[in-house]
Protein backbone atom coordinates (compact mmCIF):
# COMPACT_ATOMS: atom_id res chain seq x y z
CA UNK A 1 69.51 -40.71 78.72
CA UNK A 2 67.70 -38.09 80.77
CA UNK A 3 64.59 -36.06 80.43
CA UNK A 4 63.64 -32.60 81.59
CA UNK A 5 60.41 -30.78 82.18
CA UNK A 6 60.30 -27.56 80.22
CA UNK A 7 58.21 -25.18 82.28
CA UNK A 8 58.78 -22.09 84.35
CA UNK A 9 55.68 -22.34 86.47
CA UNK A 10 55.72 -23.15 90.15
CA UNK A 11 56.27 -26.90 90.73
CA UNK A 12 52.74 -27.43 91.97
CA UNK A 13 51.15 -26.22 88.73
CA UNK A 14 52.10 -27.05 85.13
CA UNK A 15 51.31 -23.77 83.38
CA UNK A 16 52.59 -22.87 79.90
CA UNK A 17 56.14 -21.65 79.44
CA UNK A 18 56.54 -18.07 80.53
CA UNK A 19 53.57 -18.14 82.93
CA UNK A 20 54.22 -17.91 86.64
CA UNK A 21 50.92 -17.91 88.49
CA UNK A 22 47.38 -17.10 87.56
CA UNK A 23 46.72 -13.46 88.40
CA UNK A 24 43.64 -12.10 90.10
CA UNK A 25 40.83 -10.73 88.00
CA UNK A 26 42.05 -7.91 85.81
CA UNK A 27 45.58 -9.33 85.49
CA UNK A 28 47.37 -9.27 82.17
CA UNK A 29 49.25 -12.59 82.17
CA UNK A 30 48.53 -14.67 79.07
CA UNK A 31 47.23 -18.16 79.82
CA UNK A 32 47.04 -21.15 77.54
CA UNK A 33 43.39 -21.63 76.42
CA UNK A 34 43.23 -25.14 77.87
CA UNK A 35 44.59 -23.94 81.21
CA UNK A 36 42.10 -21.05 81.15
CA UNK A 37 39.31 -23.58 80.59
CA UNK A 38 40.39 -25.47 83.71
CA UNK A 39 40.64 -22.26 85.73
CA UNK A 40 37.67 -20.25 84.47
CA UNK A 41 35.39 -22.41 82.31
CA UNK A 42 31.95 -23.58 83.48
CA UNK A 43 32.70 -26.40 85.88
CA UNK A 44 30.02 -28.91 84.88
CA UNK A 45 30.44 -28.28 81.15
CA UNK A 46 34.22 -28.65 81.41
CA UNK A 47 33.91 -31.92 83.34
CA UNK A 48 31.47 -33.27 80.76
CA UNK A 49 33.86 -32.24 78.00
CA UNK A 50 36.82 -34.00 79.63
CA UNK A 51 35.00 -37.13 80.85
CA UNK A 52 34.11 -39.06 77.65
CA UNK A 53 37.69 -39.53 76.36
CA UNK A 54 38.77 -40.63 79.82
CA UNK A 55 35.86 -43.06 79.96
CA UNK A 56 36.99 -44.67 76.70
CA UNK A 57 40.52 -45.03 78.06
CA UNK A 58 39.38 -46.56 81.33
CA UNK A 59 37.02 -49.06 79.72
CA UNK A 60 39.88 -50.35 77.55
CA UNK A 61 42.49 -50.32 80.28
CA UNK A 62 41.91 -48.86 83.75
CA UNK A 63 45.07 -47.05 84.66
CA UNK A 64 45.96 -45.94 88.21
CA UNK A 65 47.30 -42.44 88.10
CA UNK A 66 49.39 -40.38 90.46
CA UNK A 67 50.46 -36.77 90.37
CA UNK A 68 54.17 -36.91 89.49
CA UNK A 69 56.90 -35.02 87.79
CA UNK A 70 57.65 -36.83 84.55
CA UNK A 71 61.38 -37.25 84.90
CA UNK A 72 61.41 -38.61 88.41
CA UNK A 73 58.27 -40.61 87.74
CA UNK A 74 59.96 -42.37 84.84
CA UNK A 75 62.94 -43.23 87.03
CA UNK A 76 60.64 -44.70 89.68
CA UNK A 77 58.75 -46.60 86.98
CA UNK A 78 61.98 -48.09 85.67
CA UNK A 79 63.01 -49.15 89.17
CA UNK A 80 59.64 -50.76 89.88
CA UNK A 81 59.63 -52.50 86.50
CA UNK A 82 63.07 -53.94 87.23
CA UNK A 83 61.90 -55.17 90.62
CA UNK A 84 58.78 -56.85 89.28
CA UNK A 85 60.57 -58.33 86.29
CA UNK A 86 63.31 -59.84 88.44
CA UNK A 87 60.84 -61.18 91.00
CA UNK A 88 58.62 -62.97 88.47
CA UNK A 89 61.34 -64.10 86.08
CA UNK A 90 63.30 -65.66 88.95
CA UNK A 91 60.51 -66.65 91.30
CA UNK A 92 57.83 -67.44 88.72
CA UNK A 93 58.39 -71.23 88.64
CA UNK A 94 58.14 -71.48 92.43
CA UNK A 95 55.05 -69.26 92.57
CA UNK A 96 53.12 -71.12 89.89
CA UNK A 97 54.01 -74.49 91.39
CA UNK A 98 52.75 -73.24 94.76
CA UNK A 99 49.47 -72.31 93.07
CA UNK A 100 49.11 -75.84 91.74
CA UNK A 101 50.69 -75.53 88.31
CA UNK A 102 52.33 -78.61 86.87
CA UNK A 103 53.31 -80.13 83.54
CA UNK A 104 51.89 -78.40 80.48
CA UNK A 105 49.93 -75.92 82.57
CA UNK A 106 53.09 -74.79 84.34
CA UNK A 107 54.97 -74.53 81.05
CA UNK A 108 52.22 -72.40 79.51
CA UNK A 109 52.05 -70.16 82.58
CA UNK A 110 55.79 -69.60 82.50
CA UNK A 111 55.83 -68.92 78.76
CA UNK A 112 53.20 -66.20 79.09
CA UNK A 113 54.55 -64.81 82.36
CA UNK A 114 58.13 -64.56 81.10
CA UNK A 115 56.98 -62.68 77.99
CA UNK A 116 54.87 -60.25 80.02
CA UNK A 117 57.36 -59.54 82.80
CA UNK A 118 60.35 -59.35 80.51
CA UNK A 119 58.57 -56.33 79.01
CA UNK A 120 57.23 -54.90 82.28
CA UNK A 121 59.15 -51.67 81.67
CA UNK A 122 56.79 -50.82 78.79
CA UNK A 123 53.74 -51.00 81.03
CA UNK A 124 55.28 -48.96 83.86
CA UNK A 125 56.47 -46.26 81.46
CA UNK A 126 53.06 -46.22 79.80
CA UNK A 127 51.36 -45.72 83.16
CA UNK A 128 53.67 -42.85 84.06
CA UNK A 129 53.27 -41.07 80.73
CA UNK A 130 49.50 -41.59 80.93
CA UNK A 131 49.50 -39.78 84.27
CA UNK A 132 51.46 -36.88 82.78
CA UNK A 133 49.11 -36.50 79.80
CA UNK A 134 46.05 -36.69 82.03
CA UNK A 135 47.55 -34.03 84.27
CA UNK A 136 47.79 -31.68 81.29
CA UNK A 137 44.04 -32.02 80.71
CA UNK A 138 44.29 -33.72 77.30
CA UNK A 139 42.43 -37.02 77.68
CA UNK A 140 41.49 -37.10 74.00
CA UNK A 141 45.10 -37.93 73.16
CA UNK A 142 44.93 -40.92 75.49
CA UNK A 143 41.73 -42.18 73.90
CA UNK A 144 43.27 -42.14 70.43
CA UNK A 145 46.51 -43.79 71.55
CA UNK A 146 44.85 -46.52 73.62
CA UNK A 147 42.29 -47.42 70.97
CA UNK A 148 44.98 -47.65 68.31
CA UNK A 149 47.17 -49.75 70.57
CA UNK A 150 44.32 -52.12 71.38
CA UNK A 151 43.58 -52.57 67.69
CA UNK A 152 47.26 -53.40 67.20
CA UNK A 153 47.04 -55.86 70.08
CA UNK A 154 44.00 -57.61 68.61
CA UNK A 155 45.73 -57.92 65.23
CA UNK A 156 49.00 -59.26 66.66
CA UNK A 157 47.60 -61.98 68.94
CA UNK A 158 46.51 -64.46 66.23
CA UNK A 159 49.61 -63.74 64.13
CA UNK A 160 52.05 -64.41 66.95
CA UNK A 161 50.13 -67.25 68.60
CA UNK A 162 49.38 -69.28 65.46
CA UNK A 163 52.00 -67.90 63.08
CA UNK A 164 51.52 -66.22 59.73
CA UNK A 165 53.83 -66.20 56.72
CA UNK A 166 57.42 -65.87 57.90
CA UNK A 167 56.30 -65.45 61.53
CA UNK A 168 56.53 -68.82 63.36
CA UNK A 169 53.80 -69.88 65.80
CA UNK A 170 54.84 -68.86 69.31
CA UNK A 171 51.91 -70.30 71.20
CA UNK A 172 50.83 -68.67 74.45
CA UNK A 173 54.10 -66.72 74.60
CA UNK A 174 52.95 -64.91 71.46
CA UNK A 175 49.96 -63.50 73.35
CA UNK A 176 52.33 -62.05 75.94
CA UNK A 177 54.59 -60.59 73.27
CA UNK A 178 51.56 -59.01 71.55
CA UNK A 179 50.55 -57.37 74.83
CA UNK A 180 54.04 -55.99 75.48
CA UNK A 181 54.24 -54.74 71.88
CA UNK A 182 50.98 -52.79 72.22
CA UNK A 183 52.17 -51.29 75.52
CA UNK A 184 55.46 -50.29 73.89
CA UNK A 185 53.66 -48.68 70.97
CA UNK A 186 51.38 -46.74 73.34
CA UNK A 187 54.29 -45.55 75.49
CA UNK A 188 56.26 -44.49 72.40
CA UNK A 189 53.31 -42.50 71.06
CA UNK A 190 52.76 -40.68 74.35
CA UNK A 191 56.48 -40.00 74.68
CA UNK A 192 56.50 -38.47 71.21
CA UNK A 193 53.47 -36.34 72.06
CA UNK A 194 55.05 -34.99 75.25
CA UNK A 195 58.40 -34.42 73.54
CA UNK A 196 56.73 -32.50 70.71
CA UNK A 197 56.20 -29.43 72.88
CA UNK A 198 52.43 -29.38 72.37
CA UNK A 199 51.69 -29.56 76.09
CA UNK A 200 52.63 -27.57 79.16
CA UNK A 201 54.89 -30.45 80.23
CA UNK A 202 57.64 -31.19 77.73
CA UNK A 203 60.10 -34.09 77.76
CA UNK A 204 63.49 -33.22 76.30
CA UNK A 205 66.81 -35.02 75.75
CA UNK A 206 69.01 -32.94 77.97
CA UNK A 207 70.64 -33.15 81.35
CA UNK A 208 68.55 -32.94 84.46
CA UNK A 209 69.49 -32.94 88.12
CA UNK A 210 67.63 -35.48 90.17
CA UNK A 211 66.35 -34.28 93.52
CA UNK A 212 65.50 -36.46 96.47
CA UNK A 213 62.73 -34.03 97.39
CA UNK A 214 60.90 -34.75 94.15
CA UNK A 215 61.26 -38.51 94.58
CA UNK A 216 59.88 -38.13 98.10
CA UNK A 217 56.94 -36.06 96.83
CA UNK A 218 56.02 -38.68 94.24
CA UNK A 219 56.35 -41.63 96.58
CA UNK A 220 54.48 -39.85 99.36
CA UNK A 221 51.42 -39.72 97.10
CA UNK A 222 52.05 -42.72 94.88
CA UNK A 223 52.67 -45.41 97.49
CA UNK A 224 49.46 -44.83 99.50
CA UNK A 225 47.43 -44.47 96.30
CA UNK A 226 48.84 -47.74 94.99
CA UNK A 227 47.62 -49.53 98.11
CA UNK A 228 43.99 -48.62 97.41
CA UNK A 229 43.38 -50.96 94.46
CA UNK A 230 45.10 -53.70 96.46
CA UNK A 231 42.67 -53.17 99.34
CA UNK A 232 39.71 -53.07 96.96
CA UNK A 233 40.66 -56.33 95.28
CA UNK A 234 41.47 -58.05 98.57
CA UNK A 235 38.09 -56.94 99.90
CA UNK A 236 36.26 -58.36 96.90
CA UNK A 237 38.34 -61.54 97.03
CA UNK A 238 37.43 -62.15 100.68
CA UNK A 239 33.79 -61.35 99.95
CA UNK A 240 33.89 -63.84 97.08
CA UNK A 241 35.30 -66.44 99.46
CA UNK A 242 32.43 -65.86 101.89
CA UNK A 243 29.87 -66.20 99.09
CA UNK A 244 31.57 -69.40 97.95
CA UNK A 245 30.71 -70.97 101.31
CA UNK A 246 27.03 -70.59 100.39
CA UNK A 247 27.32 -72.85 97.38
CA UNK A 248 28.07 -72.80 93.67
CA UNK A 249 24.73 -71.20 92.73
CA UNK A 250 25.18 -68.26 95.07
CA UNK A 251 28.75 -67.80 93.88
CA UNK A 252 27.64 -67.72 90.24
CA UNK A 253 24.93 -65.17 91.01
CA UNK A 254 27.33 -63.02 92.98
CA UNK A 255 29.90 -63.19 90.20
CA UNK A 256 27.36 -61.87 87.72
CA UNK A 257 26.14 -59.14 90.08
CA UNK A 258 29.56 -57.86 91.09
CA UNK A 259 30.42 -57.24 87.45
CA UNK A 260 28.05 -54.29 87.55
CA UNK A 261 30.14 -52.78 90.34
CA UNK A 262 33.18 -52.92 88.09
CA UNK A 263 31.30 -50.71 85.62
CA UNK A 264 31.32 -48.00 88.28
CA UNK A 265 35.11 -47.69 88.33
CA UNK A 266 35.71 -46.60 84.71
CA UNK A 267 32.67 -44.30 84.84
CA UNK A 268 33.92 -42.65 88.03
CA UNK A 269 37.52 -42.45 86.86
CA UNK A 270 36.42 -40.97 83.56
CA UNK A 271 35.05 -37.93 85.37
CA UNK A 272 37.76 -38.07 88.02
CA UNK A 273 40.58 -37.70 85.48
CA UNK A 274 39.14 -34.46 84.16
CA UNK A 275 38.38 -33.28 87.67
CA UNK A 276 41.94 -34.11 88.77
CA UNK A 277 43.33 -31.69 86.20
CA UNK A 278 40.85 -28.99 87.25
CA UNK A 279 41.46 -29.41 90.97
CA UNK A 280 45.25 -29.61 90.69
CA UNK A 281 45.41 -26.58 88.38
CA UNK A 282 43.20 -24.46 90.61
CA UNK A 283 45.03 -25.52 93.78
CA UNK A 284 48.30 -24.53 92.14
CA UNK A 285 46.79 -21.16 91.27
CA UNK A 286 45.55 -20.69 94.81
CA UNK A 287 41.89 -20.92 93.78
CA UNK A 288 40.81 -23.31 96.50
CA UNK A 289 37.13 -22.39 96.36
CA UNK A 290 36.93 -23.26 92.67
CA UNK A 291 38.90 -26.46 93.25
CA UNK A 292 36.38 -27.47 95.90
CA UNK A 293 33.41 -26.63 93.67
CA UNK A 294 34.96 -28.68 90.87
CA UNK A 295 35.27 -31.73 93.12
CA UNK A 296 31.72 -31.48 94.46
CA UNK A 297 30.32 -30.93 90.96
CA UNK A 298 32.13 -34.00 89.62
CA UNK A 299 30.93 -36.04 92.61
CA UNK A 300 27.33 -34.93 92.04
CA UNK A 301 27.47 -35.75 88.32
CA UNK A 302 28.90 -39.20 88.91
CA UNK A 303 26.49 -39.91 91.78
CA UNK A 304 23.60 -39.08 89.47
CA UNK A 305 24.85 -41.40 86.73
CA UNK A 306 25.72 -44.23 89.10
CA UNK A 307 22.45 -43.68 90.95
CA UNK A 308 20.65 -44.33 87.67
CA UNK A 309 22.55 -47.61 87.35
CA UNK A 310 21.58 -48.53 90.90
CA UNK A 311 17.96 -47.66 90.08
CA UNK A 312 18.16 -49.96 87.07
CA UNK A 313 19.32 -52.73 89.39
CA UNK A 314 16.36 -52.09 91.70
CA UNK A 315 13.68 -51.83 89.05
CA UNK A 316 14.90 -54.66 86.84
CA UNK A 317 17.28 -56.75 88.97
CA UNK A 318 17.28 -59.73 86.63
CA UNK A 319 18.00 -57.62 83.54
CA UNK A 320 21.74 -57.42 84.18
CA UNK A 321 22.05 -61.09 85.12
CA UNK A 322 20.20 -62.10 81.96
CA UNK A 323 23.08 -60.73 79.92
CA UNK A 324 25.39 -63.38 81.39
CA UNK A 325 23.26 -66.34 82.37
CA UNK A 326 19.92 -67.88 81.45
CA UNK A 327 19.82 -70.00 84.62
CA UNK A 328 16.90 -68.82 86.80
CA UNK A 329 18.71 -69.56 90.07
CA UNK A 330 21.73 -67.50 89.01
CA UNK A 331 19.50 -64.61 87.97
CA UNK A 332 17.64 -64.80 91.27
CA UNK A 333 20.79 -64.73 93.40
CA UNK A 334 22.25 -61.89 91.34
CA UNK A 335 19.01 -59.95 91.81
CA UNK A 336 19.11 -60.49 95.57
CA UNK A 337 22.61 -59.06 95.78
CA UNK A 338 22.01 -56.14 93.40
CA UNK A 339 18.79 -54.90 95.00
CA UNK A 340 20.72 -54.36 98.23
CA UNK A 341 24.27 -53.50 97.18
CA UNK A 342 23.01 -51.30 94.33
CA UNK A 343 21.59 -48.84 96.86
CA UNK A 344 25.13 -47.97 97.94
CA UNK A 345 26.61 -47.52 94.45
CA UNK A 346 26.34 -43.68 94.60
CA UNK A 347 28.28 -43.68 97.89
CA UNK A 348 31.06 -45.70 96.28
CA UNK A 349 31.21 -43.40 93.25
CA UNK A 350 31.32 -40.24 95.38
CA UNK A 351 34.17 -41.73 97.37
CA UNK A 352 36.10 -42.55 94.20
CA UNK A 353 35.73 -39.00 92.87
CA UNK A 354 36.64 -37.28 96.12
CA UNK A 355 39.54 -39.70 96.52
CA UNK A 356 40.92 -38.38 93.25
CA UNK A 357 40.51 -34.83 94.55
CA UNK A 358 42.62 -35.75 97.58
CA UNK A 359 45.15 -37.19 95.16
CA UNK A 360 45.22 -33.95 93.19
CA UNK A 361 45.88 -32.11 96.45
CA UNK A 362 48.71 -34.53 97.34
CA UNK A 363 46.75 -35.79 100.35
CA UNK A 364 46.55 -39.56 99.83
CA UNK A 365 45.96 -40.57 103.45
CA UNK A 366 42.19 -40.16 103.58
CA UNK A 367 41.41 -42.17 100.43
CA UNK A 368 43.58 -44.94 101.87
CA UNK A 369 41.76 -44.77 105.20
CA UNK A 370 38.45 -44.91 103.35
CA UNK A 371 39.50 -48.03 101.44
CA UNK A 372 40.77 -49.59 104.67
CA UNK A 373 37.49 -48.83 106.44
CA UNK A 374 35.57 -50.44 103.61
CA UNK A 375 37.73 -53.54 103.89
CA UNK A 376 37.21 -53.76 107.66
CA UNK A 377 33.43 -53.37 107.37
CA UNK A 378 33.08 -55.90 104.55
CA UNK A 379 35.41 -58.50 106.03
CA UNK A 380 34.11 -58.09 109.58
CA UNK A 381 30.48 -57.96 108.52
CA UNK A 382 30.91 -60.88 106.13
CA UNK A 383 32.50 -63.02 108.82
CA UNK A 384 29.65 -62.17 111.20
CA UNK A 385 27.10 -63.20 108.57
CA UNK A 386 28.78 -66.45 107.60
CA UNK A 387 29.81 -67.63 111.05
CA UNK A 388 27.19 -65.91 113.17
CA UNK A 389 23.81 -64.74 111.89
CA UNK A 390 23.57 -67.10 108.93
CA UNK A 391 21.72 -64.51 106.83
CA UNK A 392 23.27 -65.86 103.64
CA UNK A 393 23.60 -63.79 100.50
CA UNK A 394 21.28 -61.10 101.84
CA UNK A 395 23.55 -60.53 104.82
CA UNK A 396 26.67 -60.45 102.65
CA UNK A 397 25.02 -57.92 100.33
CA UNK A 398 24.26 -55.75 103.37
CA UNK A 399 27.90 -56.02 104.47
CA UNK A 400 29.07 -55.05 100.97
CA UNK A 401 26.71 -52.07 100.88
CA UNK A 402 27.79 -50.97 104.36
CA UNK A 403 31.41 -51.03 103.23
CA UNK A 404 30.63 -48.79 100.27
CA UNK A 405 28.72 -46.37 102.50
CA UNK A 406 31.63 -46.26 104.97
CA UNK A 407 34.08 -45.53 102.17
CA UNK A 408 32.00 -42.71 100.72
CA UNK A 409 31.12 -41.23 104.11
CA UNK A 410 34.74 -41.00 105.24
CA UNK A 411 35.76 -39.22 102.04
CA UNK A 412 32.78 -36.83 102.19
CA UNK A 413 33.41 -35.92 105.84
CA UNK A 414 37.15 -35.48 105.33
CA UNK A 415 36.72 -33.39 102.19
CA UNK A 416 33.97 -31.26 103.73
CA UNK A 417 36.23 -30.65 106.71
CA UNK A 418 38.87 -29.21 104.38
CA UNK A 419 41.45 -31.86 105.12
CA UNK A 420 42.48 -31.83 101.45
CA UNK A 421 43.79 -28.27 101.60
CA UNK A 422 47.51 -27.63 101.71
CA UNK A 423 48.78 -25.64 104.65
CA UNK A 424 51.46 -23.98 102.56
CA UNK A 425 51.96 -20.33 103.34
CA UNK A 426 53.97 -19.85 100.16
CA UNK A 427 51.08 -20.87 97.90
CA UNK A 428 49.43 -18.05 95.96
CA UNK A 429 46.13 -16.91 97.41
CA UNK A 430 43.22 -16.22 95.12
CA UNK A 431 39.90 -17.46 96.51
CA UNK A 432 38.00 -16.86 93.27
């Protein structure tokens, strides 16, 4: 089975069928209303219109997107799913034993893991199709699909785990099957939507010629972008390890505080997804000035929102911790961390937004360098605090904040320097 993208636009821009490029002012080419909104609508209003549906999607399930052509992206997704499935289905027992699993715990881990990774293809396909739909600037479709799928997931878990009527109890494996089923339903719905011809990118059952150039283009952006969440999670894991050396109380307080940081990611990505469509569309049309204004506007909006969250942490530092713990010591330690790290939240959010703009421009190097710089600052600074200065949780909070500032600063400097712009002489030029 093969798929094809039905569009006659230049490869860098998914415009409606029959449209080539966006003409200068006064041109007569007809443009799809949604594409016109991305190209000519008020920037802030358009971002605010696109952000809420993306926010809903990211709160339910944060998905890492990459700019990709649907056909080749699906092939890569299938290959990666096969790799991960084989690795965990074959090596799962060894891995879980190495982590300390034994007896009933090991059996439960394997039952759940085998169910999840046997259906890994559903998740990879869902991620790819989600990227395609986001790229078309239709996040509302994703919100509907993901909410419906999560409701299905919630309904299936008790039925499959404990059994109901003719359905036998499957135990922990049932939870994995419920998850895979919801992913499959989501992927099927998005596939149907894209195949229906209602978007600029259409999937069709017909022959397509695979090109190495397109695979290279996808992997050139996708592989570096996929390393970023790994660096982020490794950074937080190492930081957690440093805090753990300070004692159980400090670790509990840090765990509560760092949850507020995780709120930043779906908020930032909610705006970033809409901005990605605007930036990519305007870059493809040669409107680099508008693409740049779109990115800065999104960054300013998110910085304002995240800044308000940071202000909340400063003014009422124990308020967030009180939602998770009534222990005074935990609230105190969480407040210590938040009053310092919260100051840098806007820097982190700006970096996340501008990182997406680099992604839209197929320039993934600088976001990766920013994430790497953050990791170096946090790990190096944390080690200095723990093994050198002995400043405790205050010092670790400073190291965490410094890492966020480094990340945001690198992305701001690189974007301001124009390092996101393509040096492609064949691209259409329209500075408006």
